[in-house]
Amino acid sequence: MRKASVMAAAVLGVWCLEQVAVTLLQSEIALAAQGGPTISGRQRFALIVTGASGGPEYARKYQQWRTAFADILRQKFGYPNDHVLILADEEADGVRRATRDNVRGAFAELGRRVGRDDVVVVLLMGHGTGDAGEESKFNLVGPDLTAAEWADLARPLPGRLVFVNAASGSFPFLGLLAGPRRVVITASDSPAQQFETVFPEFLVRAFGEQASDRDRNGRVSVWEAFVSAAAGVKQWFDQRGQLATERPLLDDSGDGIGREADAEGPDGAIAQVTYLQPEAPVAVTGDAELTALLGRRAEVQQELDDLRARKPGMPAEAYDSQLEKLLIEFARLDRRIREKS
């Protein structure tokens, strides 16, 4: 009986510490809101690709989606212009042509600039072919790249990768792109789903709408956007009385199987703590030590988010031990910050 009580108290203590961490984070946000210079934590980068359109109707649609997503990243989320790389079927100001060589060049550029703690989103919108396995392709201007070649290009990126193939025939990309620290999303759940997709429209919209923020924390996670977009796709087909020709999947466990938004499965934990929108910036003060403390506390918060995402696959004792260590450091940092503020 005594052992059970001790274990219950330990579990309650861990839960309380988690709640304390959430409360303490608010002071960091409040400091940033006071104005003045700030420093950011993780950097965010994006590669948006709309390939060969195949006609004016598709070209207009892809341009709308591409422009809307770039505007969300730049205007709403504050991405610097040079952090958003765009490839399309026609070259324009700030837009490179979506050729195989330019795709390779974009990944090489990301590889030089992205750090281990950064987040990279790759979004493909357009036509694709879903041949089983590695020969599945996304249609570019000129020679295409196979799913296996896209996987090879993405493999060296050191940051957390969110890879979204929202095109037709996208399902085979899931198994080839899946891996540790990755969120992979496809518009379809079968190689047989080869029809033009509506998923990109709803996914782009989800990142820009506050209604997608289901946990009301002020930011839309990749999981929340996926859930909202999947619901939009289902409603689109239901309203037309049509059998759905696309069912979006998400994989972040690395097994390449994935799950639908309303299905059970091991995937979703990492996507729930992955955001395209940057964290609240940390205020830069005239006190170098205080600025360093604020920066370290932001790093610990990111480590806490990552740890919670890994919780389902960790032994309970290992999770509790790491959580306690991080939360104790977080509390100590917060106390020192309060003393110096």
Protein backbone atom coordinates (compact mmCIF):
# COMPACT_ATOMS: atom_id res chain seq x y z
CA MET A 1 0.00 0.00 0.00
CA ARG A 2 2.82 2.38 0.91
CA LYS A 3 4.64 1.59 -2.36
CA ALA A 4 1.52 2.38 -4.38
CA SER A 5 1.11 5.68 -2.54
CA VAL A 6 4.71 6.65 -3.24
CA MET A 7 4.30 5.82 -6.93
CA ALA A 8 1.08 7.82 -7.12
CA ALA A 9 2.78 10.79 -5.50
CA ALA A 10 5.65 10.54 -7.98
CA VAL A 11 3.27 10.50 -10.93
CA LEU A 12 1.37 13.46 -9.49
CA GLY A 13 4.64 15.29 -8.96
CA VAL A 14 5.67 14.82 -12.59
CA TRP A 15 2.24 16.02 -13.77
CA CYS A 16 2.48 19.10 -11.53
CA LEU A 17 5.95 19.90 -12.81
CA GLU A 18 4.67 19.77 -16.39
CA GLN A 19 1.93 22.24 -15.52
CA VAL A 20 4.44 24.50 -13.80
CA ALA A 21 6.62 24.52 -16.92
CA VAL A 22 3.71 25.71 -19.04
CA THR A 23 2.98 28.50 -16.54
CA LEU A 24 6.61 29.60 -16.32
CA LEU A 25 6.85 29.88 -20.10
CA GLN A 26 4.35 32.73 -20.05
CA SER A 27 6.91 35.05 -18.49
CA GLU A 28 9.20 34.50 -21.49
CA ILE A 29 6.39 35.47 -23.86
CA ALA A 30 5.58 38.52 -21.74
CA LEU A 31 9.19 39.70 -21.83
CA ALA A 32 9.29 39.41 -25.62
CA ALA A 33 6.05 41.39 -25.88
CA GLN A 34 7.61 44.38 -24.10
CA GLY A 35 9.42 45.32 -27.31
CA GLY A 36 13.05 45.98 -28.07
CA PRO A 37 15.60 43.69 -29.73
CA THR A 38 14.89 39.98 -29.73
CA ILE A 39 16.67 36.74 -30.58
CA SER A 40 15.00 33.68 -32.09
CA GLY A 41 15.40 30.02 -31.25
CA ARG A 42 15.02 27.56 -34.08
CA GLN A 43 15.12 28.98 -37.56
CA ARG A 44 12.48 28.00 -40.11
CA PHE A 45 12.99 27.38 -43.81
CA ALA A 46 10.58 26.41 -46.58
CA LEU A 47 10.80 24.94 -50.07
CA ILE A 48 7.56 25.29 -52.04
CA VAL A 49 7.38 23.46 -55.36
CA THR A 50 4.60 23.48 -57.94
CA GLY A 51 5.75 21.52 -60.94
CA ALA A 52 4.55 21.26 -64.51
CA SER A 53 0.97 22.51 -64.46
CA GLY A 54 -0.30 20.92 -67.67
CA GLY A 55 -2.65 23.75 -68.57
CA PRO A 56 -3.79 27.30 -67.69
CA GLU A 57 -6.50 26.13 -65.28
CA TYR A 58 -4.03 24.14 -63.21
CA ALA A 59 -1.41 26.88 -63.46
CA ARG A 60 -3.80 29.45 -61.94
CA LYS A 61 -4.82 27.10 -59.16
CA TYR A 62 -1.27 26.13 -58.26
CA GLN A 63 -0.21 29.78 -58.28
CA GLN A 64 -3.00 30.66 -55.85
CA TRP A 65 -1.99 27.90 -53.45
CA ARG A 66 1.72 28.67 -53.78
CA THR A 67 1.26 32.40 -53.24
CA ALA A 68 -1.13 31.91 -50.31
CA PHE A 69 1.29 29.58 -48.51
CA ALA A 70 4.28 31.85 -49.10
CA ASP A 71 2.28 34.82 -47.79
CA ILE A 72 1.37 32.92 -44.62
CA LEU A 73 5.01 32.05 -43.99
CA ARG A 74 6.35 35.52 -44.71
CA GLN A 75 3.60 37.84 -43.52
CA LYS A 76 1.90 35.88 -40.75
CA PHE A 77 4.84 33.82 -39.44
CA GLY A 78 7.60 36.33 -40.17
CA TYR A 79 9.88 34.18 -42.36
CA PRO A 80 12.66 36.25 -43.99
CA ASN A 81 12.32 36.30 -47.77
CA ASP A 82 15.50 34.29 -48.26
CA HIS A 83 14.14 31.54 -46.00
CA VAL A 84 11.32 30.75 -48.46
CA LEU A 85 12.51 29.06 -51.66
CA ILE A 86 9.91 28.81 -54.42
CA LEU A 87 9.97 26.74 -57.62
CA ALA A 88 7.21 26.80 -60.25
CA ASP A 89 6.58 25.97 -63.90
CA GLU A 90 7.37 29.56 -64.93
CA GLU A 91 10.26 31.64 -63.65
CA ALA A 92 9.35 34.99 -62.04
CA ASP A 93 10.63 37.47 -59.49
CA GLY A 94 11.65 35.39 -56.49
CA VAL A 95 10.55 32.18 -58.22
CA ARG A 96 12.89 29.69 -59.88
CA ARG A 97 11.79 27.25 -62.54
CA ALA A 98 10.82 23.85 -61.16
CA THR A 99 13.46 21.81 -62.93
CA ARG A 100 15.29 18.81 -61.61
CA ASP A 101 18.55 20.78 -61.36
CA ASN A 102 16.89 23.66 -59.50
CA VAL A 103 15.32 21.24 -57.02
CA ARG A 104 18.74 19.77 -56.37
CA GLY A 105 20.18 23.26 -56.02
CA ALA A 106 17.49 24.24 -53.51
CA PHE A 107 18.22 21.21 -51.33
CA ALA A 108 21.96 21.93 -51.53
CA GLU A 109 21.30 25.49 -50.35
CA LEU A 110 19.16 24.25 -47.47
CA GLY A 111 21.84 21.77 -46.53
CA ARG A 112 24.35 24.61 -46.17
CA ARG A 113 22.06 26.84 -44.11
CA VAL A 114 19.94 24.56 -41.92
CA GLY A 115 21.11 23.65 -38.41
CA ARG A 116 20.20 20.60 -36.37
CA ASP A 117 17.62 22.48 -34.29
CA ASP A 118 15.98 24.20 -37.27
CA VAL A 119 12.71 23.24 -38.97
CA VAL A 120 12.35 22.76 -42.74
CA VAL A 121 9.05 22.36 -44.57
CA VAL A 122 8.97 21.01 -48.13
CA LEU A 123 5.60 21.32 -49.85
CA LEU A 124 4.94 19.73 -53.27
CA MET A 125 1.73 20.71 -55.07
CA GLY A 126 0.80 19.58 -58.56
CA HIS A 127 0.68 16.37 -60.58
CA GLY A 128 2.33 13.10 -59.74
CA THR A 129 2.40 9.46 -60.71
CA GLY A 130 1.95 6.84 -58.04
CA ASP A 131 3.74 3.85 -59.49
CA ALA A 132 4.42 1.42 -56.68
CA GLY A 133 7.70 1.91 -54.85
CA GLU A 134 10.69 4.03 -55.71
CA GLU A 135 9.59 4.97 -59.24
CA SER A 136 6.70 7.16 -58.08
CA LYS A 137 7.31 10.69 -59.36
CA PHE A 138 6.37 14.32 -58.87
CA ASN A 139 6.00 16.06 -62.23
CA LEU A 140 8.60 18.79 -62.79
CA VAL A 141 9.43 20.94 -65.81
CA GLY A 142 11.52 18.58 -67.91
CA PRO A 143 12.84 15.32 -66.42
CA ASP A 144 11.15 14.35 -63.16
CA LEU A 145 12.62 13.13 -59.88
CA THR A 146 11.51 9.79 -58.47
CA ALA A 147 10.40 9.34 -54.88
CA ALA A 148 13.70 7.62 -54.17
CA GLU A 149 15.60 10.63 -55.54
CA TRP A 150 13.56 13.04 -53.40
CA ALA A 151 14.41 10.87 -50.39
CA ASP A 152 18.12 11.01 -51.27
CA LEU A 153 17.97 14.81 -51.50
CA ALA A 154 16.21 15.16 -48.15
CA ARG A 155 18.40 12.68 -46.28
CA PRO A 156 21.35 15.01 -45.50
CA LEU A 157 19.19 17.81 -44.05
CA PRO A 158 20.11 18.07 -40.36
CA GLY A 159 16.99 19.81 -39.06
CA ARG A 160 13.49 18.58 -38.35
CA LEU A 161 11.87 17.94 -41.72
CA VAL A 162 8.19 18.35 -42.54
CA PHE A 163 7.81 16.83 -46.01
CA VAL A 164 4.39 17.20 -47.63
CA ASN A 165 3.61 15.68 -51.01
CA ALA A 166 0.12 17.05 -51.63
CA ALA A 167 0.03 15.94 -55.27
CA SER A 168 -1.74 13.08 -56.96
CA GLY A 169 0.05 9.74 -56.73
CA SER A 170 1.83 10.82 -53.55
CA PHE A 171 1.33 7.74 -51.36
CA PRO A 172 4.60 5.91 -52.24
CA PHE A 173 6.57 8.92 -50.94
CA LEU A 174 5.41 8.11 -47.39
CA GLY A 175 7.50 5.00 -46.89
CA LEU A 176 10.57 6.38 -48.64
CA LEU A 177 10.70 9.74 -46.85
CA ALA A 178 9.75 8.53 -43.35
CA GLY A 179 12.47 8.59 -40.73
CA PRO A 180 13.57 9.88 -37.32
CA ARG A 181 12.68 13.51 -36.51
CA ARG A 182 10.50 13.73 -39.61
CA VAL A 183 6.87 14.43 -40.31
CA VAL A 184 5.78 13.10 -43.70
CA ILE A 185 2.33 13.82 -45.16
CA THR A 186 0.79 12.55 -48.38
CA ALA A 187 -2.52 13.47 -50.00
CA SER A 188 -3.38 9.83 -50.68
CA ASP A 189 -3.20 6.48 -48.93
CA SER A 190 -2.89 4.20 -51.96
CA PRO A 191 -0.92 4.08 -55.23
CA ALA A 192 -4.29 3.71 -56.97
CA GLN A 193 -5.32 7.27 -55.97
CA GLN A 194 -4.11 9.12 -59.07
CA PHE A 195 -6.73 11.86 -59.40
CA GLU A 196 -6.10 15.59 -59.05
CA THR A 197 -6.06 16.48 -55.33
CA VAL A 198 -7.91 19.14 -53.34
CA PHE A 199 -5.85 18.53 -50.21
CA PRO A 200 -3.38 21.41 -50.87
CA GLU A 201 -6.15 24.00 -50.77
CA PHE A 202 -7.33 22.87 -47.33
CA LEU A 203 -3.82 22.40 -45.93
CA VAL A 204 -2.71 25.90 -46.90
CA ARG A 205 -5.93 27.33 -45.49
CA ALA A 206 -5.50 25.40 -42.22
CA PHE A 207 -2.15 27.03 -41.44
CA GLY A 208 -3.66 30.46 -41.91
CA GLU A 209 -6.86 30.01 -39.90
CA GLN A 210 -7.11 30.43 -36.14
CA ALA A 211 -9.89 27.82 -36.09
CA SER A 212 -7.23 25.16 -36.75
CA ASP A 213 -5.62 25.92 -33.37
CA ARG A 214 -7.53 23.24 -31.48
CA ASP A 215 -5.57 23.43 -28.23
CA ARG A 216 -5.80 27.26 -28.21
CA ASN A 217 -2.11 27.82 -27.55
CA GLY A 218 -1.84 30.56 -30.16
CA ARG A 219 -0.08 28.46 -32.83
CA VAL A 220 -1.22 25.84 -35.33
CA SER A 221 0.83 22.67 -35.12
CA VAL A 222 1.49 20.47 -38.14
CA TRP A 223 -0.87 17.90 -36.63
CA GLU A 224 -3.65 20.45 -36.17
CA ALA A 225 -3.27 21.65 -39.76
CA PHE A 226 -3.33 18.05 -41.00
CA VAL A 227 -6.50 17.26 -39.04
CA SER A 228 -8.25 20.39 -40.28
CA ALA A 229 -7.21 19.78 -43.89
CA ALA A 230 -8.30 16.13 -43.79
CA ALA A 231 -11.70 17.20 -42.46
CA GLY A 232 -11.96 19.75 -45.27
CA VAL A 233 -11.20 17.09 -47.90
CA LYS A 234 -13.84 14.75 -46.48
CA GLN A 235 -16.45 17.51 -46.42
CA TRP A 236 -15.60 18.49 -50.00
CA PHE A 237 -16.39 15.01 -51.29
CA ASP A 238 -19.43 14.56 -49.00
CA GLN A 239 -21.01 17.78 -50.24
CA ARG A 240 -20.70 16.55 -53.82
CA GLY A 241 -21.96 13.09 -53.03
CA GLN A 242 -18.75 11.60 -54.41
CA LEU A 243 -16.61 8.73 -53.24
CA ALA A 244 -13.39 10.21 -51.87
CA THR A 245 -10.46 9.71 -54.24
CA GLU A 246 -7.90 10.92 -51.71
CA ARG A 247 -7.31 10.16 -48.04
CA PRO A 248 -4.41 12.08 -46.48
CA LEU A 249 -1.88 10.24 -44.33
CA LEU A 250 0.67 11.42 -41.76
CA ASP A 251 3.73 9.56 -40.50
CA ASP A 252 6.06 10.79 -37.77
CA SER A 253 6.98 7.53 -36.07
CA GLY A 254 9.38 6.66 -38.87
CA ASP A 255 7.78 3.34 -39.77
CA GLY A 256 6.42 4.60 -43.10
CA ILE A 257 2.89 3.33 -42.45
CA GLY A 258 1.14 6.51 -41.35
CA ARG A 259 -2.40 7.14 -40.17
CA GLU A 260 -5.47 9.05 -41.20
CA ALA A 261 -6.52 11.99 -39.04
CA ASP A 262 -9.51 10.18 -37.51
CA ALA A 263 -7.83 6.77 -37.10
CA GLU A 264 -5.88 5.26 -34.24
CA GLY A 265 -2.16 4.77 -34.55
CA PRO A 266 1.29 5.61 -33.19
CA ASP A 267 1.77 8.64 -35.42
CA GLY A 268 1.06 12.26 -34.48
CA ALA A 269 3.16 12.85 -31.36
CA ILE A 270 5.97 14.73 -33.10
CA ALA A 271 3.58 16.57 -35.43
CA GLN A 272 1.69 17.84 -32.37
CA VAL A 273 4.78 19.72 -31.13
CA THR A 274 6.09 20.78 -34.54
CA TYR A 275 5.16 24.27 -35.71
CA LEU A 276 5.87 26.17 -38.91
CA GLN A 277 5.25 29.34 -36.92
CA PRO A 278 8.36 30.27 -34.92
CA GLU A 279 8.39 30.38 -31.13
CA ALA A 280 7.92 33.71 -29.41
CA PRO A 281 11.26 35.54 -29.71
CA VAL A 282 13.36 36.00 -26.60
CA ALA A 283 13.97 39.59 -25.55
CA VAL A 284 17.53 40.88 -25.78
CA THR A 285 18.39 42.95 -22.73
CA GLY A 286 21.30 45.21 -21.83
CA ASP A 287 22.43 42.50 -19.42
CA ALA A 288 24.43 39.83 -21.27
CA GLU A 289 23.87 37.26 -18.52
CA LEU A 290 20.10 37.82 -18.53
CA THR A 291 19.96 37.49 -22.31
CA ALA A 292 21.89 34.21 -22.07
CA LEU A 293 19.50 32.93 -19.40
CA LEU A 294 16.49 33.78 -21.57
CA GLY A 295 18.05 32.03 -24.53
CA ARG A 296 18.84 28.89 -22.52
CA ARG A 297 15.31 28.78 -21.12
CA ALA A 298 13.92 28.86 -24.67
CA GLU A 299 16.22 25.95 -25.56
CA VAL A 300 15.02 23.95 -22.53
CA GLN A 301 11.42 24.55 -23.55
CA GLN A 302 12.19 23.13 -26.98
CA GLU A 303 13.86 20.13 -25.37
CA LEU A 304 10.74 19.60 -23.26
CA ASP A 305 8.56 19.64 -26.38
CA ASP A 306 10.82 17.11 -28.08
CA LEU A 307 10.83 14.87 -25.01
CA ARG A 308 7.04 14.87 -24.81
CA ALA A 309 6.90 13.90 -28.49
CA ARG A 310 9.14 10.89 -27.79
CA LYS A 311 7.20 9.82 -24.68
CA PRO A 312 5.09 7.05 -26.32
CA GLY A 313 8.21 5.13 -27.33
CA MET A 314 10.18 5.59 -24.10
CA PRO A 315 10.27 3.52 -20.90
CA ALA A 316 8.30 5.36 -18.22
CA GLU A 317 11.28 5.61 -15.86
CA ALA A 318 13.55 7.09 -18.55
CA TYR A 319 10.90 9.63 -19.53
CA ASP A 320 10.24 10.70 -15.93
CA SER A 321 13.97 11.00 -15.23
CA GLN A 322 14.64 13.21 -18.26
CA LEU A 323 11.50 15.25 -17.67
CA GLU A 324 12.44 15.93 -14.05
CA LYS A 325 15.96 16.99 -15.04
CA LEU A 326 14.70 19.44 -17.66
CA LEU A 327 11.96 20.88 -15.48
CA ILE A 328 14.32 21.45 -12.57
CA GLU A 329 16.68 23.32 -14.90
CA PHE A 330 13.72 25.28 -16.29
CA ALA A 331 12.59 26.29 -12.80
CA ARG A 332 16.10 27.33 -11.76
CA LEU A 333 16.53 29.41 -14.91
CA ASP A 334 13.18 31.08 -14.32
CA ARG A 335 14.10 31.95 -10.73
CA ARG A 336 17.41 33.50 -11.83
CA ILE A 337 15.65 35.44 -14.58
CA ARG A 338 13.12 36.81 -12.11
CA GLU A 339 15.91 37.87 -9.77
CA LYS A 340 17.64 39.80 -12.54
CA SER A 341 14.50 41.33 -14.13
